Amino acid sequence: MKLEYIKKENAVIVYLHGHVDFTVTESIEKAVDKLMSDEQSGNLLLNMKAVDYVSSAGLGLFITLMNSLKKRERKLAFCCIDQDVKKIFKVVKLTDVFDIFKTEVEALAFLKEG
């Protein structure tokens, strides 16, 4: 799993690539946890533009990240989700749980709000 990130405004934007499944969830969780620990403030935006598959383990990872961030009074948002991947979120009814935006700009605007 290739994981790239930048800090922009009040968020760390993580760009995920490829499959988000059980083979990469642990490494993603550790990397994101370290990033968010290093950044004492700010929210997390997962840019999913280059993700073509998310397994149940990947969805579990996203829930874990959201709960971890909530404990730190931070937000998690997603953007640029492929339609096939978004169907997975819809099937398990996570579109109501997560804040999902079409573009990075929309997601950053949401994260900037109180």
C-alpha atoms as a PDB file:
ATOM      1  CA  MET A   1       0.000   0.000   0.000  1.00  0.00           C
ATOM      2  CA  LYS A   2       1.343   3.338  -1.043  1.00  0.00           C
ATOM      3  CA  LEU A   3       0.463   6.015   1.484  1.00  0.00           C
ATOM      4  CA  GLU A   4       1.114   9.665   0.758  1.00  0.00           C
ATOM      5  CA  TYR A   5      -0.008  12.638   2.804  1.00  0.00           C
ATOM      6  CA  ILE A   6       0.103  16.403   3.031  1.00  0.00           C
ATOM      7  CA  LYS A   7      -0.966  18.895   5.668  1.00  0.00           C
ATOM      8  CA  LYS A   8      -3.366  21.460   4.299  1.00  0.00           C
ATOM      9  CA  GLU A   9      -5.282  24.049   6.282  1.00  0.00           C
ATOM     10  CA  ASN A  10      -6.511  22.255   9.403  1.00  0.00           C
ATOM     11  CA  ALA A  11      -6.278  18.701   8.076  1.00  0.00           C
ATOM     12  CA  VAL A  12      -3.894  15.920   7.254  1.00  0.00           C
ATOM     13  CA  ILE A  13      -4.872  14.579   3.842  1.00  0.00           C
ATOM     14  CA  VAL A  14      -3.933  10.942   3.307  1.00  0.00           C
ATOM     15  CA  TYR A  15      -3.977   9.637  -0.250  1.00  0.00           C
ATOM     16  CA  LEU A  16      -4.704   5.924  -0.303  1.00  0.00           C
ATOM     17  CA  HIS A  17      -3.962   3.750  -3.337  1.00  0.00           C
ATOM     18  CA  GLY A  18      -5.070   0.343  -4.584  1.00  0.00           C
ATOM     19  CA  HIS A  19      -6.889  -2.177  -2.400  1.00  0.00           C
ATOM     20  CA  VAL A  20      -7.720  -1.415   1.219  1.00  0.00           C
ATOM     21  CA  ASP A  21      -8.006  -4.935   2.608  1.00  0.00           C
ATOM     22  CA  PHE A  22      -6.681  -7.081   5.458  1.00  0.00           C
ATOM     23  CA  THR A  23      -3.177  -7.141   3.961  1.00  0.00           C
ATOM     24  CA  VAL A  24      -2.709  -3.394   4.460  1.00  0.00           C
ATOM     25  CA  THR A  25      -5.073  -2.278   7.218  1.00  0.00           C
ATOM     26  CA  GLU A  26      -2.554  -2.704  10.036  1.00  0.00           C
ATOM     27  CA  SER A  27       0.129  -0.697   8.261  1.00  0.00           C
ATOM     28  CA  ILE A  28      -2.362   2.043   7.353  1.00  0.00           C
ATOM     29  CA  GLU A  29      -3.633   2.221  10.927  1.00  0.00           C
ATOM     30  CA  LYS A  30      -0.116   2.515  12.350  1.00  0.00           C
ATOM     31  CA  ALA A  31       0.939   5.137   9.789  1.00  0.00           C
ATOM     32  CA  VAL A  32      -2.197   7.252  10.273  1.00  0.00           C
ATOM     33  CA  ASP A  33      -2.003   6.950  14.056  1.00  0.00           C
ATOM     34  CA  LYS A  34       1.598   8.174  13.961  1.00  0.00           C
ATOM     35  CA  LEU A  35       0.662  11.046  11.637  1.00  0.00           C
ATOM     36  CA  MET A  36      -2.187  12.154  13.856  1.00  0.00           C
ATOM     37  CA  SER A  37      -0.041  11.849  16.993  1.00  0.00           C
ATOM     38  CA  ASP A  38       2.683  13.959  15.381  1.00  0.00           C
ATOM     39  CA  GLU A  39       0.089  16.562  14.384  1.00  0.00           C
ATOM     40  CA  GLN A  40      -1.288  17.733  17.711  1.00  0.00           C
ATOM     41  CA  SER A  41      -4.284  19.371  16.072  1.00  0.00           C
ATOM     42  CA  GLY A  42      -6.232  18.957  12.902  1.00  0.00           C
ATOM     43  CA  ASN A  43      -8.571  16.526  11.265  1.00  0.00           C
ATOM     44  CA  LEU A  44      -8.099  13.618   8.878  1.00  0.00           C
ATOM     45  CA  LEU A  45      -9.195  13.535   5.268  1.00  0.00           C
ATOM     46  CA  LEU A  46      -8.894  10.274   3.367  1.00  0.00           C
ATOM     47  CA  ASN A  47      -8.676  10.923  -0.359  1.00  0.00           C
ATOM     48  CA  MET A  48      -9.884   7.717  -2.002  1.00  0.00           C
ATOM     49  CA  LYS A  49      -9.398   8.723  -5.631  1.00  0.00           C
ATOM     50  CA  ALA A  50      -6.903   5.909  -6.309  1.00  0.00           C
ATOM     51  CA  VAL A  51      -8.670   3.216  -4.229  1.00  0.00           C
ATOM     52  CA  ASP A  52     -10.359   0.558  -6.325  1.00  0.00           C
ATOM     53  CA  TYR A  53     -11.481  -1.861  -3.601  1.00  0.00           C
ATOM     54  CA  VAL A  54     -12.327  -1.800   0.107  1.00  0.00           C
ATOM     55  CA  SER A  55     -12.889  -5.033   2.034  1.00  0.00           C
ATOM     56  CA  SER A  56     -14.720  -5.490   5.319  1.00  0.00           C
ATOM     57  CA  ALA A  57     -11.339  -5.200   7.048  1.00  0.00           C
ATOM     58  CA  GLY A  58     -10.857  -1.839   5.336  1.00  0.00           C
ATOM     59  CA  LEU A  59     -14.271  -0.661   6.491  1.00  0.00           C
ATOM     60  CA  GLY A  60     -13.408  -1.802  10.002  1.00  0.00           C
ATOM     61  CA  LEU A  61     -10.208   0.236   9.799  1.00  0.00           C
ATOM     62  CA  PHE A  62     -12.172   3.345   8.838  1.00  0.00           C
ATOM     63  CA  ILE A  63     -14.519   2.870  11.813  1.00  0.00           C
ATOM     64  CA  THR A  64     -11.507   2.417  14.115  1.00  0.00           C
ATOM     65  CA  LEU A  65      -9.922   5.615  12.773  1.00  0.00           C
ATOM     66  CA  MET A  66     -13.170   7.550  13.193  1.00  0.00           C
ATOM     67  CA  ASN A  67     -13.571   6.404  16.804  1.00  0.00           C
ATOM     68  CA  SER A  68      -9.940   7.170  17.616  1.00  0.00           C
ATOM     69  CA  LEU A  69     -10.274  10.666  16.166  1.00  0.00           C
ATOM     70  CA  LYS A  70     -13.542  11.309  18.026  1.00  0.00           C
ATOM     71  CA  LYS A  71     -11.753  10.587  21.307  1.00  0.00           C
ATOM     72  CA  ARG A  72      -9.274  13.341  20.354  1.00  0.00           C
ATOM     73  CA  GLU A  73     -12.155  15.650  19.341  1.00  0.00           C
ATOM     74  CA  ARG A  74     -11.131  15.500  15.697  1.00  0.00           C
ATOM     75  CA  LYS A  75     -13.065  14.688  12.552  1.00  0.00           C
ATOM     76  CA  LEU A  76     -12.667  12.167   9.755  1.00  0.00           C
ATOM     77  CA  ALA A  77     -13.893  12.816   6.234  1.00  0.00           C
ATOM     78  CA  PHE A  78     -13.607  11.037   2.889  1.00  0.00           C
ATOM     79  CA  CYS A  79     -13.462  12.423  -0.615  1.00  0.00           C
ATOM     80  CA  CYS A  80     -13.169  11.326  -4.233  1.00  0.00           C
ATOM     81  CA  ILE A  81     -14.602   7.837  -3.680  1.00  0.00           C
ATOM     82  CA  ASP A  82     -14.987   5.755  -6.832  1.00  0.00           C
ATOM     83  CA  GLN A  83     -18.609   4.800  -7.558  1.00  0.00           C
ATOM     84  CA  ASP A  84     -17.903   1.057  -7.223  1.00  0.00           C
ATOM     85  CA  VAL A  85     -16.218   1.600  -3.863  1.00  0.00           C
ATOM     86  CA  LYS A  86     -19.026   3.904  -2.749  1.00  0.00           C
ATOM     87  CA  LYS A  87     -21.493   1.070  -3.431  1.00  0.00           C
ATOM     88  CA  ILE A  88     -19.674  -0.962  -0.774  1.00  0.00           C
ATOM     89  CA  PHE A  89     -20.173   1.871   1.731  1.00  0.00           C
ATOM     90  CA  LYS A  90     -23.880   2.044   0.781  1.00  0.00           C
ATOM     91  CA  VAL A  91     -24.486  -1.708   1.092  1.00  0.00           C
ATOM     92  CA  VAL A  92     -23.255  -1.728   4.690  1.00  0.00           C
ATOM     93  CA  LYS A  93     -24.991   1.593   5.394  1.00  0.00           C
ATOM     94  CA  LEU A  94     -21.808   3.510   6.194  1.00  0.00           C
ATOM     95  CA  THR A  95     -22.712   6.467   3.994  1.00  0.00           C
ATOM     96  CA  ASP A  96     -24.807   7.675   6.959  1.00  0.00           C
ATOM     97  CA  VAL A  97     -21.943   7.147   9.406  1.00  0.00           C
ATOM     98  CA  PHE A  98     -19.102   8.807   7.499  1.00  0.00           C
ATOM     99  CA  ASP A  99     -18.807  12.326   6.102  1.00  0.00           C
ATOM    100  CA  ILE A 100     -18.247  11.734   2.386  1.00  0.00           C
ATOM    101  CA  PHE A 101     -17.632  14.468  -0.176  1.00  0.00           C
ATOM    102  CA  LYS A 102     -17.186  14.509  -3.930  1.00  0.00           C
ATOM    103  CA  THR A 103     -14.147  16.777  -3.892  1.00  0.00           C
ATOM    104  CA  GLU A 104     -11.207  17.527  -1.654  1.00  0.00           C
ATOM    105  CA  VAL A 105     -12.223  21.206  -1.560  1.00  0.00           C
ATOM    106  CA  GLU A 106     -15.714  20.352  -0.222  1.00  0.00           C
ATOM    107  CA  ALA A 107     -14.248  18.011   2.396  1.00  0.00           C
ATOM    108  CA  LEU A 108     -11.701  20.583   3.562  1.00  0.00           C
ATOM    109  CA  ALA A 109     -14.463  23.198   3.889  1.00  0.00           C
ATOM    110  CA  PHE A 110     -16.437  20.781   6.080  1.00  0.00           C
ATOM    111  CA  LEU A 111     -13.396  20.007   8.238  1.00  0.00           C
ATOM    112  CA  LYS A 112     -12.715  23.722   8.659  1.00  0.00           C
ATOM    113  CA  GLU A 113     -16.118  24.229  10.311  1.00  0.00           C
ATOM    114  CA  GLY A 114     -16.088  24.236  14.103  1.00  0.00           C
END
